[in-house]
Amino acid sequence: MKLDIIGDIHGCFHEFYQLTNKLGYNWDSGVPVHSMNRRLAFVGDLTDRGPESLKVVEAVVKIIKSEHGYYVPGNHCNKLYRFFLGNKVQHKHGLETTVAEFNALSQANRKKISADFIHLYESSPLYHVLDEGRLVIAHAGIRQDYIGKQGKKIKTFVLYGDITGKTLENGRPERRDWALEYKGEPLIVYGHTPVKEARFVGNTVNIDTGSVFGNKLSALRYPEKEVVSVPSSLPFDESRFRE
């Protein structure tokens, strides 16, 4: 199994297109296809904050429908899913940008993209266990003893990380650094917490290099464990990155 696992895109379609080109994918058929039979994988958080969230959604929907890739949802995906269901959600932390894009569409296009995303979300696993158990893709990571299991606390962990329930001064939730404790055999590839460089800790890799915060969009080539990146076109925001 040969994959290119892409970090949180957050509406950065331009960078996503550039990265897939750099990785050797061809878009002539309307979806990125690799001549060496590599496939794309996504750690979630396709939307919010960036300029072209719905374009990213459309592309990933096509990729998964055509069986050219793998997707797991992130916390922003979960919130967008609840918005499309008609649930009451707060239009902040980036969702407001996706909602603005959505509201600018015709009624027919709104109906199509919401139906497509709802289907993508509902038909996707909370986390992927791939390559005969050697690889796990989970948005914010996963504990060793959670792999293969489902449940509310596992969903919370996979979507939000190892949160303590406390809030930091900047308003963000306090999280434990679960990767330092991970001793499992499967390689865990995740995102959620922006880092300036892909973070290799034990048998884990954080591939969210903060494209939407002006750094770069990155992919982990698997099984090679090589990182390929393209620079972001957006303004750099130092405050968003974990050391």
Protein backbone atom coordinates (compact mmCIF):
# COMPACT_ATOMS: atom_id res chain seq x y z
CA MET A 1 0.00 0.00 0.00
CA LYS A 2 1.40 3.36 -1.10
CA LEU A 3 -0.28 6.50 0.21
CA ASP A 4 0.25 10.25 0.35
CA ILE A 5 -1.39 11.37 3.60
CA ILE A 6 -2.26 15.07 3.53
CA GLY A 7 -2.55 17.26 6.62
CA ASP A 8 -5.42 19.63 7.48
CA ILE A 9 -6.32 21.51 4.28
CA HIS A 10 -8.80 24.01 5.83
CA GLY A 11 -10.03 25.39 2.53
CA CYS A 12 -6.57 25.87 0.97
CA PHE A 13 -7.50 24.39 -2.41
CA HIS A 14 -4.66 26.17 -4.26
CA GLU A 15 -2.06 24.56 -1.98
CA PHE A 16 -3.84 21.19 -2.20
CA TYR A 17 -3.72 21.29 -6.00
CA GLN A 18 -0.04 22.31 -5.97
CA LEU A 19 0.85 19.58 -3.48
CA THR A 20 -0.85 16.81 -5.45
CA ASN A 21 0.97 17.98 -8.59
CA LYS A 22 4.28 17.92 -6.72
CA LEU A 23 3.48 14.39 -5.52
CA GLY A 24 2.95 13.27 -9.12
CA TYR A 25 -0.85 13.26 -9.41
CA ASN A 26 -2.61 14.16 -12.66
CA TRP A 27 -6.00 15.94 -12.60
CA ASP A 28 -6.97 15.39 -16.27
CA SER A 29 -9.81 13.02 -15.32
CA GLY A 30 -11.23 15.50 -12.80
CA VAL A 31 -9.69 13.72 -9.80
CA PRO A 32 -5.99 13.43 -8.91
CA VAL A 33 -4.68 10.08 -10.18
CA HIS A 34 -1.12 8.78 -9.76
CA SER A 35 0.61 6.77 -12.50
CA MET A 36 2.32 4.56 -9.89
CA ASN A 37 -1.01 3.63 -8.25
CA ARG A 38 -0.41 5.74 -5.14
CA ARG A 39 -3.52 7.02 -3.35
CA LEU A 40 -4.33 10.10 -1.32
CA ALA A 41 -5.45 10.03 2.29
CA PHE A 42 -6.86 12.89 4.35
CA VAL A 43 -6.64 13.43 8.12
CA GLY A 44 -9.79 15.59 8.17
CA ASP A 45 -10.53 19.30 8.59
CA LEU A 46 -11.04 19.91 4.89
CA THR A 47 -12.83 23.21 5.49
CA ASP A 48 -13.01 26.47 7.49
CA ARG A 49 -10.78 29.55 7.63
CA GLY A 50 -9.32 29.12 4.13
CA PRO A 51 -10.65 30.73 0.93
CA GLU A 52 -12.04 27.70 -0.96
CA SER A 53 -13.53 25.23 1.50
CA LEU A 54 -16.33 24.00 -0.74
CA LYS A 55 -13.94 23.40 -3.64
CA VAL A 56 -11.89 21.16 -1.33
CA VAL A 57 -15.07 19.32 -0.29
CA GLU A 58 -16.06 18.76 -3.91
CA ALA A 59 -12.61 17.39 -4.78
CA VAL A 60 -12.43 15.01 -1.81
CA VAL A 61 -15.99 13.77 -2.41
CA LYS A 62 -14.98 12.86 -5.99
CA ILE A 63 -11.75 11.19 -4.82
CA ILE A 64 -13.52 9.01 -2.26
CA LYS A 65 -16.43 8.19 -4.62
CA SER A 66 -13.98 7.06 -7.30
CA GLU A 67 -12.10 4.96 -4.71
CA HIS A 68 -8.88 6.88 -5.24
CA GLY A 69 -8.33 7.72 -1.59
CA TYR A 70 -9.17 7.57 2.10
CA TYR A 71 -10.76 10.16 4.38
CA VAL A 72 -11.42 10.49 8.09
CA PRO A 73 -13.35 13.42 9.59
CA GLY A 74 -11.90 16.11 11.82
CA ASN A 75 -13.63 18.28 14.40
CA HIS A 76 -14.32 20.97 11.77
CA CYS A 77 -15.84 18.29 9.51
CA ASN A 78 -18.05 17.20 12.39
CA LYS A 79 -19.26 20.76 12.93
CA LEU A 80 -19.96 21.31 9.23
CA TYR A 81 -21.85 18.01 9.16
CA ARG A 82 -24.05 19.18 12.03
CA PHE A 83 -24.61 22.51 10.25
CA PHE A 84 -25.71 20.72 7.07
CA LEU A 85 -28.10 18.57 9.13
CA GLY A 86 -29.75 21.79 10.32
CA ASN A 87 -28.48 21.55 13.90
CA LYS A 88 -27.75 24.72 15.84
CA VAL A 89 -23.99 25.34 15.73
CA GLN A 90 -21.99 28.49 16.37
CA HIS A 91 -20.67 30.12 13.21
CA LYS A 92 -17.18 30.81 14.53
CA HIS A 93 -13.65 29.30 14.70
CA GLY A 94 -13.68 29.27 10.90
CA LEU A 95 -17.11 27.80 10.17
CA GLU A 96 -18.34 31.30 9.33
CA THR A 97 -16.10 31.35 6.21
CA THR A 98 -17.53 28.05 4.92
CA VAL A 99 -21.10 29.14 5.69
CA ALA A 100 -20.51 32.38 3.75
CA GLU A 101 -19.33 30.36 0.73
CA PHE A 102 -22.33 28.06 1.10
CA ASN A 103 -24.84 30.90 1.34
CA ALA A 104 -23.46 32.44 -1.87
CA LEU A 105 -24.41 29.32 -3.86
CA SER A 106 -27.66 28.75 -5.71
CA GLN A 107 -30.28 26.68 -3.90
CA ALA A 108 -29.60 23.70 -6.18
CA ASN A 109 -25.84 23.82 -5.53
CA ARG A 110 -26.41 24.20 -1.78
CA LYS A 111 -28.60 21.11 -1.83
CA LYS A 112 -26.01 19.10 -3.79
CA ILE A 113 -22.93 19.98 -1.76
CA SER A 114 -24.67 19.48 1.59
CA ALA A 115 -25.99 16.07 0.47
CA ASP A 116 -22.55 15.09 -0.88
CA PHE A 117 -20.78 16.09 2.33
CA ILE A 118 -23.36 14.41 4.58
CA HIS A 119 -22.87 11.18 2.59
CA LEU A 120 -19.06 11.50 2.77
CA TYR A 121 -19.18 12.04 6.53
CA GLU A 122 -21.68 9.28 7.28
CA SER A 123 -19.95 6.70 5.07
CA SER A 124 -16.45 7.35 6.46
CA PRO A 125 -14.93 5.66 9.50
CA LEU A 126 -13.95 7.69 12.56
CA TYR A 127 -10.39 6.52 11.93
CA HIS A 128 -8.82 4.26 9.30
CA VAL A 129 -6.82 1.12 10.13
CA LEU A 130 -4.91 0.30 6.94
CA ASP A 131 -2.10 -1.85 5.54
CA GLU A 132 -3.05 -4.91 7.60
CA GLY A 133 -2.99 -2.90 10.82
CA ARG A 134 0.39 -1.27 10.28
CA LEU A 135 -1.08 2.23 9.74
CA VAL A 136 -3.77 4.22 11.53
CA ILE A 137 -5.03 7.59 10.27
CA ALA A 138 -6.94 9.57 12.90
CA HIS A 139 -7.59 13.32 12.88
CA ALA A 140 -6.22 14.26 16.31
CA GLY A 141 -4.54 10.91 17.00
CA ILE A 142 -5.58 7.84 18.95
CA ARG A 143 -4.43 5.97 22.02
CA GLN A 144 -3.03 2.49 21.58
CA ASP A 145 -5.81 0.87 23.65
CA TYR A 146 -8.51 2.66 21.58
CA ILE A 147 -7.47 1.16 18.23
CA GLY A 148 -10.18 -1.16 16.95
CA LYS A 149 -12.79 0.24 19.34
CA GLN A 150 -15.66 2.72 19.06
CA GLY A 151 -17.48 4.85 21.62
CA LYS A 152 -18.12 8.39 22.78
CA LYS A 153 -14.79 8.93 24.56
CA ILE A 154 -12.89 7.48 21.61
CA LYS A 155 -14.75 9.80 19.22
CA THR A 156 -13.91 12.79 21.42
CA PHE A 157 -10.23 11.79 21.51
CA VAL A 158 -10.00 11.21 17.74
CA LEU A 159 -11.71 14.52 16.89
CA TYR A 160 -10.26 16.81 19.58
CA GLY A 161 -7.18 15.09 21.01
CA ASP A 162 -6.44 14.25 24.62
CA ILE A 163 -8.29 17.21 26.12
CA THR A 164 -8.19 17.84 29.86
CA GLY A 165 -11.45 19.80 30.06
CA LYS A 166 -9.55 22.97 30.97
CA THR A 167 -9.26 26.07 28.77
CA LEU A 168 -6.00 27.92 28.08
CA GLU A 169 -5.63 31.72 28.31
CA ASN A 170 -6.01 31.98 24.51
CA GLY A 171 -9.41 30.27 24.73
CA ARG A 172 -8.29 26.98 23.23
CA PRO A 173 -8.75 23.66 25.05
CA GLU A 174 -5.83 22.31 27.04
CA ARG A 175 -4.51 19.06 25.54
CA ARG A 176 -2.12 16.43 26.82
CA ASP A 177 0.67 15.41 24.42
CA TRP A 178 -0.60 11.87 23.86
CA ALA A 179 2.10 11.09 21.26
CA LEU A 180 4.79 11.09 23.97
CA GLU A 181 3.01 8.19 25.68
CA TYR A 182 2.22 6.16 22.56
CA LYS A 183 4.07 2.83 22.45
CA GLY A 184 1.96 0.94 19.90
CA GLU A 185 3.17 -0.86 16.79
CA PRO A 186 0.91 0.80 14.18
CA LEU A 187 2.17 4.09 12.77
CA ILE A 188 -0.32 6.83 13.75
CA VAL A 189 -0.61 9.69 11.25
CA TYR A 190 -2.69 12.65 12.42
CA GLY A 191 -3.11 16.43 12.29
CA HIS A 192 -5.32 18.84 14.26
CA THR A 193 -2.53 20.71 16.10
CA PRO A 194 -0.48 22.91 13.73
CA VAL A 195 3.29 22.45 13.84
CA LYS A 196 5.87 24.28 11.72
CA GLU A 197 7.52 21.03 10.64
CA ALA A 198 5.98 17.55 10.46
CA ARG A 199 6.43 16.14 13.98
CA PHE A 200 7.85 12.62 14.34
CA VAL A 201 7.49 11.30 17.90
CA GLY A 202 7.94 7.57 18.45
CA ASN A 203 5.68 5.81 15.96
CA THR A 204 3.49 8.88 15.33
CA VAL A 205 3.59 11.72 12.78
CA ASN A 206 1.70 15.02 13.02
CA ILE A 207 1.36 16.14 9.39
CA ASP A 208 -0.65 19.37 9.99
CA THR A 209 1.89 22.05 9.11
CA GLY A 210 -0.61 24.92 9.24
CA SER A 211 -1.27 25.85 5.63
CA VAL A 212 -4.24 28.02 6.60
CA PHE A 213 -2.01 29.86 9.10
CA GLY A 214 0.55 30.78 6.45
CA ASN A 215 3.15 28.00 6.84
CA LYS A 216 2.80 25.09 4.39
CA LEU A 217 0.63 22.16 3.36
CA SER A 218 2.35 18.82 3.81
CA ALA A 219 1.90 15.17 2.94
CA LEU A 220 3.54 12.10 4.43
CA ARG A 221 4.53 9.56 1.80
CA TYR A 222 3.78 6.09 3.18
CA PRO A 223 5.51 3.70 3.67
CA GLU A 224 8.58 5.82 2.84
CA LYS A 225 7.93 8.27 5.73
CA GLU A 226 9.07 11.16 3.54
CA VAL A 227 7.48 14.58 3.92
CA VAL A 228 6.58 16.63 0.83
CA SER A 229 5.35 20.23 1.26
CA VAL A 230 4.30 23.33 -0.64
CA PRO A 231 4.34 26.86 0.85
CA SER A 232 1.13 28.56 1.90
CA SER A 233 -0.10 31.65 0.06
CA LEU A 234 -1.75 33.01 3.24
CA PRO A 235 -0.36 35.37 5.93
CA PHE A 236 1.77 33.70 8.60
CA ASP A 237 0.33 33.58 12.14
CA GLU A 238 3.01 32.58 14.64
CA SER A 239 0.53 32.29 17.51
CA ARG A 240 -1.15 29.23 15.99
CA PHE A 241 1.80 26.83 16.19
CA ARG A 242 2.87 24.42 18.87
CA GLU A 243 6.61 24.14 19.41
